[in-house]
Amino acid sequence: MTGGIIVSIYVFVLAVFAGIELITRVPPLLHTPLMSGANAISGITLVGALIMAGEGGSGFSTILGFLAIIFATINVVGGFLVTDRMLEMFKKEEKKK
């Protein structure tokens, strides 16, 4: 049991370092497409959370699934709002006649 926890912590720490390295090296031009991709991944997380909450398992897993639904929904909606706002900055303004 303890070995599994240590391996999980090890994988988590490696993922944090890899994520930091990847995100700091992304050029600003690619931020919007990457944010859209991250929103798609959050959408997949949302589907998994819905399955987890609706599975009818223990009360603890249902609560965790419900919390995951809330946080994934906030992430998806907020991400799309920020992406839309960023794309608005690149639209050309039409001249009034």
C-alpha atoms as a PDB file:
ATOM      1  CA  MET A   1       0.000   0.000   0.000  1.00  0.00           C
ATOM      2  CA  THR A   2       2.750   2.468   0.918  1.00  0.00           C
ATOM      3  CA  GLY A   3       4.637   1.771  -2.330  1.00  0.00           C
ATOM      4  CA  GLY A   4       1.597   2.820  -4.358  1.00  0.00           C
ATOM      5  CA  ILE A   5       1.345   6.117  -2.532  1.00  0.00           C
ATOM      6  CA  ILE A   6       5.034   6.844  -3.059  1.00  0.00           C
ATOM      7  CA  VAL A   7       4.766   6.047  -6.778  1.00  0.00           C
ATOM      8  CA  SER A   8       1.681   8.279  -7.055  1.00  0.00           C
ATOM      9  CA  ILE A   9       3.498  11.179  -5.369  1.00  0.00           C
ATOM     10  CA  TYR A  10       6.519  10.602  -7.620  1.00  0.00           C
ATOM     11  CA  VAL A  11       4.356  10.712 -10.767  1.00  0.00           C
ATOM     12  CA  PHE A  12       2.556  13.835  -9.497  1.00  0.00           C
ATOM     13  CA  VAL A  13       5.832  15.679  -8.824  1.00  0.00           C
ATOM     14  CA  LEU A  14       7.182  14.722 -12.253  1.00  0.00           C
ATOM     15  CA  ALA A  15       3.960  15.907 -13.890  1.00  0.00           C
ATOM     16  CA  VAL A  16       4.223  19.249 -12.081  1.00  0.00           C
ATOM     17  CA  PHE A  17       7.797  19.792 -13.254  1.00  0.00           C
ATOM     18  CA  ALA A  18       6.979  18.719 -16.819  1.00  0.00           C
ATOM     19  CA  GLY A  19       3.922  21.006 -16.873  1.00  0.00           C
ATOM     20  CA  ILE A  20       5.889  23.996 -15.646  1.00  0.00           C
ATOM     21  CA  GLU A  21       8.611  23.412 -18.239  1.00  0.00           C
ATOM     22  CA  LEU A  22       6.107  23.042 -21.058  1.00  0.00           C
ATOM     23  CA  ILE A  23       3.970  26.037 -20.175  1.00  0.00           C
ATOM     24  CA  THR A  24       6.865  28.446 -19.659  1.00  0.00           C
ATOM     25  CA  ARG A  25       8.280  27.598 -23.084  1.00  0.00           C
ATOM     26  CA  VAL A  26       5.072  28.178 -25.081  1.00  0.00           C
ATOM     27  CA  PRO A  27       5.255  31.239 -27.329  1.00  0.00           C
ATOM     28  CA  PRO A  28       2.447  33.787 -26.812  1.00  0.00           C
ATOM     29  CA  LEU A  29       1.074  33.107 -30.307  1.00  0.00           C
ATOM     30  CA  LEU A  30       0.120  29.566 -29.287  1.00  0.00           C
ATOM     31  CA  HIS A  31      -1.649  30.385 -26.016  1.00  0.00           C
ATOM     32  CA  THR A  32      -5.150  30.590 -27.536  1.00  0.00           C
ATOM     33  CA  PRO A  33      -5.016  27.230 -29.374  1.00  0.00           C
ATOM     34  CA  LEU A  34      -3.529  25.557 -26.324  1.00  0.00           C
ATOM     35  CA  MET A  35      -6.239  27.013 -24.108  1.00  0.00           C
ATOM     36  CA  SER A  36      -8.874  25.608 -26.454  1.00  0.00           C
ATOM     37  CA  GLY A  37      -7.195  22.211 -26.231  1.00  0.00           C
ATOM     38  CA  ALA A  38      -7.129  22.443 -22.447  1.00  0.00           C
ATOM     39  CA  ASN A  39     -10.854  23.230 -22.501  1.00  0.00           C
ATOM     40  CA  ALA A  40     -11.458  20.071 -24.523  1.00  0.00           C
ATOM     41  CA  ILE A  41      -9.531  18.052 -21.940  1.00  0.00           C
ATOM     42  CA  SER A  42     -11.598  19.643 -19.180  1.00  0.00           C
ATOM     43  CA  GLY A  43     -14.692  18.604 -21.097  1.00  0.00           C
ATOM     44  CA  ILE A  44     -13.478  15.010 -21.008  1.00  0.00           C
ATOM     45  CA  THR A  45     -12.890  15.402 -17.275  1.00  0.00           C
ATOM     46  CA  LEU A  46     -16.447  16.650 -16.955  1.00  0.00           C
ATOM     47  CA  VAL A  47     -17.805  13.551 -18.691  1.00  0.00           C
ATOM     48  CA  GLY A  48     -15.750  11.325 -16.371  1.00  0.00           C
ATOM     49  CA  ALA A  49     -17.005  13.244 -13.343  1.00  0.00           C
ATOM     50  CA  LEU A  50     -20.608  12.810 -14.494  1.00  0.00           C
ATOM     51  CA  ILE A  51     -20.063   9.080 -14.800  1.00  0.00           C
ATOM     52  CA  MET A  52     -18.420   8.933 -11.377  1.00  0.00           C
ATOM     53  CA  ALA A  53     -21.176  10.910  -9.649  1.00  0.00           C
ATOM     54  CA  GLY A  54     -23.998   9.007 -11.329  1.00  0.00           C
ATOM     55  CA  GLU A  55     -22.545   5.553 -10.808  1.00  0.00           C
ATOM     56  CA  GLY A  56     -24.314   5.119  -7.485  1.00  0.00           C
ATOM     57  CA  GLY A  57     -21.275   3.893  -5.597  1.00  0.00           C
ATOM     58  CA  SER A  58     -20.381   4.961  -2.100  1.00  0.00           C
ATOM     59  CA  GLY A  59     -21.426   8.348  -0.793  1.00  0.00           C
ATOM     60  CA  PHE A  60     -17.803   9.526  -0.772  1.00  0.00           C
ATOM     61  CA  SER A  61     -17.305   8.798  -4.481  1.00  0.00           C
ATOM     62  CA  THR A  62     -20.582  10.527  -5.295  1.00  0.00           C
ATOM     63  CA  ILE A  63     -19.487  13.633  -3.374  1.00  0.00           C
ATOM     64  CA  LEU A  64     -16.082  13.625  -5.084  1.00  0.00           C
ATOM     65  CA  GLY A  65     -17.784  13.187  -8.461  1.00  0.00           C
ATOM     66  CA  PHE A  66     -20.117  16.083  -7.728  1.00  0.00           C
ATOM     67  CA  LEU A  67     -17.198  18.323  -6.718  1.00  0.00           C
ATOM     68  CA  ALA A  68     -15.356  17.288  -9.872  1.00  0.00           C
ATOM     69  CA  ILE A  69     -18.425  18.266 -11.916  1.00  0.00           C
ATOM     70  CA  ILE A  70     -18.491  21.702 -10.305  1.00  0.00           C
ATOM     71  CA  PHE A  71     -14.786  22.394 -10.762  1.00  0.00           C
ATOM     72  CA  ALA A  72     -14.614  21.005 -14.312  1.00  0.00           C
ATOM     73  CA  THR A  73     -17.650  23.071 -15.314  1.00  0.00           C
ATOM     74  CA  ILE A  74     -16.073  26.226 -13.896  1.00  0.00           C
ATOM     75  CA  ASN A  75     -12.867  25.414 -15.767  1.00  0.00           C
ATOM     76  CA  VAL A  76     -14.618  24.753 -19.088  1.00  0.00           C
ATOM     77  CA  VAL A  77     -16.874  27.823 -18.971  1.00  0.00           C
ATOM     78  CA  GLY A  78     -14.126  30.132 -17.724  1.00  0.00           C
ATOM     79  CA  GLY A  79     -11.671  28.802 -20.282  1.00  0.00           C
ATOM     80  CA  PHE A  80     -14.037  29.373 -23.167  1.00  0.00           C
ATOM     81  CA  LEU A  81     -14.858  32.886 -21.939  1.00  0.00           C
ATOM     82  CA  VAL A  82     -11.162  33.752 -21.744  1.00  0.00           C
ATOM     83  CA  THR A  83     -10.505  32.196 -25.173  1.00  0.00           C
ATOM     84  CA  ASP A  84     -13.390  34.163 -26.692  1.00  0.00           C
ATOM     85  CA  ARG A  85     -12.095  37.349 -25.111  1.00  0.00           C
ATOM     86  CA  MET A  86      -8.602  36.705 -26.463  1.00  0.00           C
ATOM     87  CA  LEU A  87      -9.953  36.050 -29.959  1.00  0.00           C
ATOM     88  CA  GLU A  88     -11.893  39.331 -29.824  1.00  0.00           C
ATOM     89  CA  MET A  89      -8.565  41.156 -29.507  1.00  0.00           C
ATOM     90  CA  PHE A  90      -7.489  39.841 -32.922  1.00  0.00           C
ATOM     91  CA  LYS A  91     -10.633  40.860 -34.822  1.00  0.00           C
ATOM     92  CA  LYS A  92     -10.309  43.864 -37.066  1.00  0.00           C
ATOM     93  CA  GLU A  93     -12.634  46.738 -36.333  1.00  0.00           C
ATOM     94  CA  GLU A  94     -14.909  47.714 -39.216  1.00  0.00           C
ATOM     95  CA  LYS A  95     -14.872  51.360 -40.240  1.00  0.00           C
ATOM     96  CA  LYS A  96     -18.155  53.235 -39.883  1.00  0.00           C
ATOM     97  CA  LYS A  97     -19.489  54.848 -43.039  1.00  0.00           C
END
